[in-house]
Every structure is written in C-alpha cells, then in structure tokens.
Amino acid sequence: MGLKDAEMDLNYILERFRNEKIKENERKSEIYWHKIRDSYLRARKVLGAKEICTSSYTLGDLGDMSGSKLKHATAEDYKEWLAGYLRRRERPTHFHDFPMERELYKFYKALANFEMEPFCEDSSINVIVPSGIIFLGGELGYANLYLMDGFIALGQEIPVYKDTKF
C-alpha cells in the first residue's frame, strides 16, 4: 500500500466520519423536534388554545391565545402566592440570583378549571391557580402549580428571586 492509497483510505474514513456525524446530528435534531412537537400537542390539549407556537421557548405566547385557559401572570401574582405560602411557615426550594422578570414568561394564571398533561423540562410552566378555579388532575411532569386556596404548591419548585420583596 503506497502513500496515495493510504491518503485515499484516510479521506474515505474522514468522509465516512463526517457522514456519521451528520447522521448523528440529524438524529439529535429529530429527537429534539419530537420533544417540541410533543410539548406542542400536550399544550394544545391542556390549554385549549386554537394555535400554539411549537418552539419550547415560545411557550410564553400560549397564555395570550384566544380560547386559552391561561394568561400570563405578573410578578405580583406570584409574590401574593409566595407571601401566603411563607405565612404557613413553609420554605422555598431555592433562591435565584437574578430578577424574576428573567423567568416571568414561564408563569401563568389559570382562568378556568383545567387538567394537566406533563410538560418536558425545557417547556415547563408555572401556573398560579386563583381561588375558585379547580385543578382537575393530570400529570404535572416538570410543571408547578401554585394554588391560592390554602397557598399550596404542587410540583417540585418554589423559587425566590433576587428582586422578591414584600
């Protein structure tokens, strides 16, 4: 085997490696796309919205869609729930060293009785459930519910943000 043959073999191996990498990236993209699509379908069912964006980071648009059972919450909505929760002598799960505004797009307020299906981690939402509105059940996945009736938390996270003041 001469130098020319070795060079051709090396080029063949490199080309094959590139093709495998492309296929691997395509598989990863396809898996990610399926996650986004699944989140989209679950959100569509849960929220009753007519049209929903499919990107996991545009879920903030869901609450404003016509026919939706959610609307965007304000920082004050969450602070009101958190104050009641702390008055019960409960504790937050963690503190963020950044203002709430940075994650406010993940916070919603329920407008009507609703059921949940699990959201994947990238698409997780936090729902403040006002008094008189009923969570009808379902899996939460990575979602968190903050019930104003009794100031109860369902889910895994009760964050406090750098700018949280009462």
Protein backbone atom coordinates (compact mmCIF):
# COMPACT_ATOMS: atom_id res chain seq x y z
CA MET A 1 0.00 0.00 0.00
CA GLY A 2 1.55 3.25 -1.11
CA LEU A 3 1.19 6.76 0.23
CA LYS A 4 -1.53 7.51 -2.33
CA ASP A 5 -3.57 4.50 -1.17
CA ALA A 6 -3.15 5.49 2.49
CA GLU A 7 -4.27 9.05 1.69
CA MET A 8 -7.33 7.70 -0.16
CA ASP A 9 -8.14 5.43 2.81
CA LEU A 10 -7.77 8.35 5.22
CA ASN A 11 -10.03 10.54 3.06
CA TYR A 12 -12.59 7.72 2.90
CA ILE A 13 -12.50 7.33 6.71
CA LEU A 14 -12.81 11.11 7.25
CA GLU A 15 -15.72 11.34 4.79
CA ARG A 16 -17.43 8.42 6.49
CA PHE A 17 -16.86 10.06 9.90
CA ARG A 18 -18.36 13.34 8.62
CA ASN A 19 -21.38 11.49 7.26
CA GLU A 20 -21.86 9.64 10.55
CA LYS A 21 -21.60 12.95 12.44
CA ILE A 22 -24.19 14.49 10.13
CA LYS A 23 -26.47 11.50 10.69
CA GLU A 24 -25.92 11.75 14.46
CA ASN A 25 -26.76 15.46 14.41
CA GLU A 26 -29.82 14.74 12.27
CA ARG A 27 -30.93 12.11 14.83
CA LYS A 28 -30.41 14.59 17.67
CA SER A 29 -32.35 17.24 15.75
CA GLU A 30 -35.12 14.77 15.05
CA ILE A 31 -35.34 13.79 18.74
CA TYR A 32 -35.43 17.48 19.74
CA TRP A 33 -38.11 18.16 17.12
CA HIS A 34 -40.22 15.31 18.52
CA LYS A 35 -39.87 16.76 22.03
CA ILE A 36 -41.03 20.13 20.78
CA ARG A 37 -43.90 18.56 18.83
CA ASP A 38 -44.99 16.52 21.87
CA SER A 39 -44.93 19.63 24.06
CA TYR A 40 -46.94 21.45 21.42
CA LEU A 41 -49.60 18.73 21.28
CA ARG A 42 -49.85 18.46 25.07
CA ALA A 43 -50.03 22.22 25.47
CA ARG A 44 -52.70 22.44 22.80
CA LYS A 45 -54.81 19.85 24.65
CA VAL A 46 -54.19 21.28 28.13
CA LEU A 47 -54.70 24.92 27.30
CA GLY A 48 -57.46 24.57 24.74
CA ALA A 49 -55.73 27.12 22.51
CA LYS A 50 -56.53 27.33 18.81
CA GLU A 51 -52.95 27.99 17.65
CA ILE A 52 -49.74 27.39 19.55
CA CYS A 53 -46.11 28.11 18.70
CA THR A 54 -44.02 24.95 18.51
CA SER A 55 -40.71 26.17 19.93
CA SER A 56 -40.15 25.25 23.56
CA TYR A 57 -39.00 28.80 24.26
CA THR A 58 -42.05 30.47 22.75
CA LEU A 59 -44.44 28.79 25.16
CA GLY A 60 -44.73 32.24 26.72
CA ASP A 61 -47.09 33.04 23.85
CA LEU A 62 -49.55 30.31 24.88
CA GLY A 63 -51.35 32.25 27.57
CA ASP A 64 -52.43 35.03 25.23
CA MET A 65 -54.04 32.81 22.60
CA SER A 66 -57.79 33.16 22.22
CA GLY A 67 -59.68 30.35 23.87
CA SER A 68 -56.87 29.67 26.30
CA LYS A 69 -57.43 28.69 29.89
CA LEU A 70 -54.32 30.62 30.98
CA LYS A 71 -52.98 34.13 30.76
CA HIS A 72 -49.56 35.49 31.63
CA ALA A 73 -49.13 36.03 35.35
CA THR A 74 -47.48 39.08 36.83
CA ALA A 75 -44.68 39.11 39.38
CA GLU A 76 -47.27 40.42 41.84
CA ASP A 77 -49.45 37.32 41.29
CA TYR A 78 -46.56 35.06 42.27
CA LYS A 79 -45.47 37.29 45.18
CA GLU A 80 -49.02 37.19 46.56
CA TRP A 81 -49.00 33.38 46.47
CA LEU A 82 -45.44 33.18 47.88
CA ALA A 83 -46.30 35.50 50.78
CA GLY A 84 -49.25 33.25 51.74
CA TYR A 85 -47.08 30.17 51.38
CA LEU A 86 -44.39 31.63 53.66
CA ARG A 87 -47.03 32.70 56.23
CA ARG A 88 -47.85 29.00 56.52
CA ARG A 89 -44.22 28.59 57.66
CA GLU A 90 -43.32 26.71 54.50
CA ARG A 91 -39.94 27.14 52.83
CA PRO A 92 -38.89 27.86 49.27
CA THR A 93 -36.86 25.23 47.45
CA HIS A 94 -34.18 27.56 46.12
CA PHE A 95 -33.06 31.16 45.54
CA HIS A 96 -32.18 32.69 42.19
CA ASP A 97 -29.51 35.38 41.94
CA PHE A 98 -31.40 37.14 39.16
CA PRO A 99 -34.69 39.07 38.92
CA MET A 100 -37.98 37.27 38.40
CA GLU A 101 -38.50 39.12 35.14
CA ARG A 102 -35.98 36.76 33.53
CA GLU A 103 -38.34 33.78 34.05
CA LEU A 104 -41.69 35.58 34.11
CA TYR A 105 -42.55 34.17 30.66
CA LYS A 106 -42.92 30.74 32.37
CA PHE A 107 -45.57 31.99 34.82
CA TYR A 108 -49.27 31.79 34.02
CA LYS A 109 -52.53 32.40 35.84
CA ALA A 110 -55.43 29.99 35.32
CA LEU A 111 -58.67 31.50 34.03
CA ALA A 112 -60.85 28.37 34.16
CA ASN A 113 -60.86 24.84 35.56
CA PHE A 114 -58.20 22.76 33.81
CA GLU A 115 -56.39 19.42 33.56
CA MET A 116 -52.66 18.98 33.03
CA GLU A 117 -50.50 16.67 30.99
CA PRO A 118 -46.78 16.58 31.70
CA PHE A 119 -44.54 19.15 30.05
CA CYS A 120 -40.93 18.27 29.33
CA GLU A 121 -38.27 20.14 31.30
CA ASP A 122 -37.44 22.65 28.55
CA SER A 123 -41.10 23.57 28.23
CA SER A 124 -42.05 23.60 31.90
CA ILE A 125 -44.54 26.18 33.11
CA ASN A 126 -45.70 27.52 36.47
CA VAL A 127 -49.42 28.05 36.92
CA ILE A 128 -50.94 30.21 39.65
CA VAL A 129 -54.41 28.87 40.38
CA PRO A 130 -56.72 31.55 41.82
CA SER A 131 -59.36 30.75 44.45
CA GLY A 132 -62.43 29.21 42.89
CA ILE A 133 -60.56 27.68 39.94
CA ILE A 134 -60.11 23.93 40.13
CA PHE A 135 -57.17 21.83 39.03
CA LEU A 136 -58.99 18.77 37.67
CA GLY A 137 -55.95 16.49 37.82
CA GLY A 138 -53.43 15.01 35.46
CA GLU A 139 -49.67 14.63 35.45
CA LEU A 140 -47.54 17.68 36.12
CA GLY A 141 -44.23 16.50 34.72
CA TYR A 142 -41.93 19.49 35.33
CA ALA A 143 -44.81 21.96 35.71
CA ASN A 144 -45.56 23.61 39.05
CA LEU A 145 -48.98 24.67 40.34
CA TYR A 146 -49.37 27.36 42.98
CA LEU A 147 -52.87 27.14 44.48
CA MET A 148 -54.19 30.32 46.09
CA ASP A 149 -56.70 28.24 48.08
CA GLY A 150 -54.60 27.32 51.11
CA PHE A 151 -51.37 28.55 49.46
CA ILE A 152 -50.38 25.04 48.43
CA ALA A 153 -47.68 24.08 45.95
CA LEU A 154 -47.95 21.10 43.63
CA GLY A 155 -44.73 20.32 41.82
CA GLN A 156 -41.05 20.49 42.59
CA GLU A 157 -40.04 24.16 42.69
CA ILE A 158 -40.83 27.12 44.87
CA PRO A 159 -38.28 29.72 43.80
CA VAL A 160 -37.44 33.06 45.35
CA TYR A 161 -35.83 35.65 43.09
CA LYS A 162 -33.25 38.34 43.77
CA ASP A 163 -35.87 41.09 43.49
CA THR A 164 -38.58 39.39 45.58
CA LYS A 165 -39.65 41.89 48.22
CA PHE A 166 -42.82 42.01 50.29
